[in-house]
C-alpha atoms as a PDB file:
ATOM      1  CA  UNK A   1      97.167  -3.891  78.373  1.00  0.00           C
ATOM      2  CA  UNK A   2     100.498  -2.249  77.594  1.00  0.00           C
ATOM      3  CA  UNK A   3     101.864   0.462  79.821  1.00  0.00           C
ATOM      4  CA  UNK A   4     104.491   2.907  78.584  1.00  0.00           C
ATOM      5  CA  UNK A   5     107.151   3.396  81.238  1.00  0.00           C
ATOM      6  CA  UNK A   6     109.882   5.976  80.566  1.00  0.00           C
ATOM      7  CA  UNK A   7     113.380   4.451  80.656  1.00  0.00           C
ATOM      8  CA  UNK A   8     114.541   7.048  83.192  1.00  0.00           C
ATOM      9  CA  UNK A   9     111.842   5.913  85.643  1.00  0.00           C
ATOM     10  CA  UNK A  10     113.001   2.271  85.717  1.00  0.00           C
ATOM     11  CA  UNK A  11     114.614   0.843  88.824  1.00  0.00           C
ATOM     12  CA  UNK A  12     118.254   0.012  88.659  1.00  0.00           C
ATOM     13  CA  UNK A  13     121.660  -0.454  90.159  1.00  0.00           C
ATOM     14  CA  UNK A  14     125.063   1.158  89.690  1.00  0.00           C
ATOM     15  CA  UNK A  15     128.038  -0.902  90.831  1.00  0.00           C
ATOM     16  CA  UNK A  16     130.583   1.281  89.028  1.00  0.00           C
ATOM     17  CA  UNK A  17     131.542  -1.384  86.467  1.00  0.00           C
ATOM     18  CA  UNK A  18     127.876  -2.369  85.921  1.00  0.00           C
ATOM     19  CA  UNK A  19     125.015   0.029  85.319  1.00  0.00           C
ATOM     20  CA  UNK A  20     121.686  -1.782  85.109  1.00  0.00           C
ATOM     21  CA  UNK A  21     118.102  -0.721  84.500  1.00  0.00           C
ATOM     22  CA  UNK A  22     115.364  -3.111  85.632  1.00  0.00           C
ATOM     23  CA  UNK A  23     112.069  -3.191  83.729  1.00  0.00           C
ATOM     24  CA  UNK A  24     110.666  -5.455  86.464  1.00  0.00           C
ATOM     25  CA  UNK A  25     111.497  -5.995  90.132  1.00  0.00           C
ATOM     26  CA  UNK A  26     114.977  -7.482  90.377  1.00  0.00           C
ATOM     27  CA  UNK A  27     117.727  -7.659  92.969  1.00  0.00           C
ATOM     28  CA  UNK A  28     117.346  -4.855  95.493  1.00  0.00           C
ATOM     29  CA  UNK A  29     114.814  -3.017  93.310  1.00  0.00           C
ATOM     30  CA  UNK A  30     111.311  -4.037  94.376  1.00  0.00           C
ATOM     31  CA  UNK A  31     108.162  -2.598  92.809  1.00  0.00           C
ATOM     32  CA  UNK A  32     105.130  -4.838  93.378  1.00  0.00           C
ATOM     33  CA  UNK A  33     103.412  -3.243  90.354  1.00  0.00           C
ATOM     34  CA  UNK A  34     106.306  -4.388  88.106  1.00  0.00           C
ATOM     35  CA  UNK A  35     106.732  -8.104  88.801  1.00  0.00           C
ATOM     36  CA  UNK A  36     106.790  -9.263  85.173  1.00  0.00           C
ATOM     37  CA  UNK A  37     104.431 -10.004  82.292  1.00  0.00           C
ATOM     38  CA  UNK A  38     103.148 -13.543  81.759  1.00  0.00           C
ATOM     39  CA  UNK A  39     106.135 -15.904  81.684  1.00  0.00           C
ATOM     40  CA  UNK A  40     108.597 -12.999  81.453  1.00  0.00           C
ATOM     41  CA  UNK A  41     109.968 -12.299  84.929  1.00  0.00           C
ATOM     42  CA  UNK A  42     113.303 -10.454  84.449  1.00  0.00           C
ATOM     43  CA  UNK A  43     114.266  -7.867  81.826  1.00  0.00           C
ATOM     44  CA  UNK A  44     117.404  -5.877  82.519  1.00  0.00           C
ATOM     45  CA  UNK A  45     119.340  -3.400  80.379  1.00  0.00           C
ATOM     46  CA  UNK A  46     123.010  -3.683  81.368  1.00  0.00           C
ATOM     47  CA  UNK A  47     126.056  -1.596  80.544  1.00  0.00           C
ATOM     48  CA  UNK A  48     129.252  -3.419  81.541  1.00  0.00           C
ATOM     49  CA  UNK A  49     132.576  -1.591  81.557  1.00  0.00           C
ATOM     50  CA  UNK A  50     135.415  -2.848  79.358  1.00  0.00           C
ATOM     51  CA  UNK A  51     137.401  -5.664  80.946  1.00  0.00           C
ATOM     52  CA  UNK A  52     134.720  -6.293  83.597  1.00  0.00           C
ATOM     53  CA  UNK A  53     131.971  -8.854  84.031  1.00  0.00           C
ATOM     54  CA  UNK A  54     130.272 -11.476  86.135  1.00  0.00           C
ATOM     55  CA  UNK A  55     132.403 -14.093  87.901  1.00  0.00           C
ATOM     56  CA  UNK A  56     131.139 -17.700  87.660  1.00  0.00           C
ATOM     57  CA  UNK A  57     127.655 -17.931  89.190  1.00  0.00           C
ATOM     58  CA  UNK A  58     124.776 -20.437  89.052  1.00  0.00           C
ATOM     59  CA  UNK A  59     121.319 -20.347  87.468  1.00  0.00           C
ATOM     60  CA  UNK A  60     118.579 -22.987  87.549  1.00  0.00           C
ATOM     61  CA  UNK A  61     115.053 -23.512  86.168  1.00  0.00           C
ATOM     62  CA  UNK A  62     115.082 -20.727  83.583  1.00  0.00           C
ATOM     63  CA  UNK A  63     115.853 -19.766  80.007  1.00  0.00           C
ATOM     64  CA  UNK A  64     118.190 -16.780  79.715  1.00  0.00           C
ATOM     65  CA  UNK A  65     118.142 -14.716  76.532  1.00  0.00           C
ATOM     66  CA  UNK A  66     120.777 -12.028  75.956  1.00  0.00           C
ATOM     67  CA  UNK A  67     120.563  -9.498  73.128  1.00  0.00           C
ATOM     68  CA  UNK A  68     123.680  -7.370  72.650  1.00  0.00           C
ATOM     69  CA  UNK A  69     122.943  -3.838  71.459  1.00  0.00           C
ATOM     70  CA  UNK A  70     126.520  -2.577  71.294  1.00  0.00           C
ATOM     71  CA  UNK A  71     129.910  -4.244  71.798  1.00  0.00           C
ATOM     72  CA  UNK A  72     130.132  -7.949  72.661  1.00  0.00           C
ATOM     73  CA  UNK A  73     129.983 -10.316  75.613  1.00  0.00           C
ATOM     74  CA  UNK A  74     132.101 -13.431  76.137  1.00  0.00           C
ATOM     75  CA  UNK A  75     130.417 -16.393  77.848  1.00  0.00           C
ATOM     76  CA  UNK A  76     131.872 -19.526  79.499  1.00  0.00           C
ATOM     77  CA  UNK A  77     129.842 -22.191  81.269  1.00  0.00           C
ATOM     78  CA  UNK A  78     130.153 -25.422  83.240  1.00  0.00           C
ATOM     79  CA  UNK A  79     129.085 -27.490  80.210  1.00  0.00           C
ATOM     80  CA  UNK A  80     132.223 -26.449  78.329  1.00  0.00           C
ATOM     81  CA  UNK A  81     130.513 -23.890  76.122  1.00  0.00           C
ATOM     82  CA  UNK A  82     132.406 -20.719  75.315  1.00  0.00           C
ATOM     83  CA  UNK A  83     131.600 -17.987  72.846  1.00  0.00           C
ATOM     84  CA  UNK A  84     131.397 -14.340  71.949  1.00  0.00           C
ATOM     85  CA  UNK A  85     128.032 -12.694  71.244  1.00  0.00           C
ATOM     86  CA  UNK A  86     128.390  -9.464  69.266  1.00  0.00           C
ATOM     87  CA  UNK A  87     126.106  -6.500  68.647  1.00  0.00           C
ATOM     88  CA  UNK A  88     122.854  -7.537  66.991  1.00  0.00           C
ATOM     89  CA  UNK A  89     123.279 -11.181  68.005  1.00  0.00           C
ATOM     90  CA  UNK A  90     121.257 -13.205  70.495  1.00  0.00           C
ATOM     91  CA  UNK A  91     122.494 -15.787  72.986  1.00  0.00           C
ATOM     92  CA  UNK A  92     120.101 -18.316  74.578  1.00  0.00           C
ATOM     93  CA  UNK A  93     121.175 -20.358  77.586  1.00  0.00           C
ATOM     94  CA  UNK A  94     119.011 -23.099  79.080  1.00  0.00           C
ATOM     95  CA  UNK A  95     119.546 -23.459  82.811  1.00  0.00           C
ATOM     96  CA  UNK A  96     116.979 -26.178  83.522  1.00  0.00           C
ATOM     97  CA  UNK A  97     118.753 -28.523  85.956  1.00  0.00           C
ATOM     98  CA  UNK A  98     121.430 -25.956  86.750  1.00  0.00           C
ATOM     99  CA  UNK A  99     124.455 -24.355  85.130  1.00  0.00           C
ATOM    100  CA  UNK A 100     127.320 -22.153  86.247  1.00  0.00           C
ATOM    101  CA  UNK A 101     128.580 -19.491  83.865  1.00  0.00           C
ATOM    102  CA  UNK A 102     130.601 -16.303  83.637  1.00  0.00           C
ATOM    103  CA  UNK A 103     130.202 -13.336  81.314  1.00  0.00           C
ATOM    104  CA  UNK A 104     132.769 -10.645  80.539  1.00  0.00           C
ATOM    105  CA  UNK A 105     133.005  -7.578  78.378  1.00  0.00           C
ATOM    106  CA  UNK A 106     136.347  -8.019  76.655  1.00  0.00           C
ATOM    107  CA  UNK A 107     135.566  -5.145  74.285  1.00  0.00           C
ATOM    108  CA  UNK A 108     135.528  -1.351  74.607  1.00  0.00           C
ATOM    109  CA  UNK A 109     131.795  -1.055  75.266  1.00  0.00           C
ATOM    110  CA  UNK A 110     128.873  -3.338  75.975  1.00  0.00           C
ATOM    111  CA  UNK A 111     125.156  -2.699  76.177  1.00  0.00           C
ATOM    112  CA  UNK A 112     122.858  -5.664  76.417  1.00  0.00           C
ATOM    113  CA  UNK A 113     119.313  -6.557  77.226  1.00  0.00           C
ATOM    114  CA  UNK A 114     119.077  -9.521  79.559  1.00  0.00           C
ATOM    115  CA  UNK A 115     115.722 -11.342  79.512  1.00  0.00           C
ATOM    116  CA  UNK A 116     114.776 -14.296  81.725  1.00  0.00           C
ATOM    117  CA  UNK A 117     111.366 -15.910  81.288  1.00  0.00           C
ATOM    118  CA  UNK A 118     109.876 -17.648  84.318  1.00  0.00           C
ATOM    119  CA  UNK A 119     110.221 -21.432  84.287  1.00  0.00           C
ATOM    120  CA  UNK A 120     107.247 -23.404  85.584  1.00  0.00           C
ATOM    121  CA  UNK A 121     109.319 -24.930  88.430  1.00  0.00           C
ATOM    122  CA  UNK A 122     110.056 -21.434  89.811  1.00  0.00           C
ATOM    123  CA  UNK A 123     106.409 -20.743  90.646  1.00  0.00           C
END
């Protein structure tokens, strides 16, 4: 059954350069009634200030899907991949055995939806 949850009622975080809304429990936001749906475990809406981003960090045992609503994000990873994902585009990153990557907003504005489905090894 679908439940309509107003955007303003979502959990979130504000780090100054990053404003995030969490559709499900994530990071310091814990709501046992919002732990995910099926294989979908993380769904975040992020706004990242211009010139800011995530330093290199690891992921493992998951598929990460990023949809950029406005602006663009630049990605670099430990496999040598590098690219820019612009508004309306989708980036998919497989982090099965492990990967380290960084993401930066090198544009004026960035709004993205960050979706991570649960991988069977995470359960």
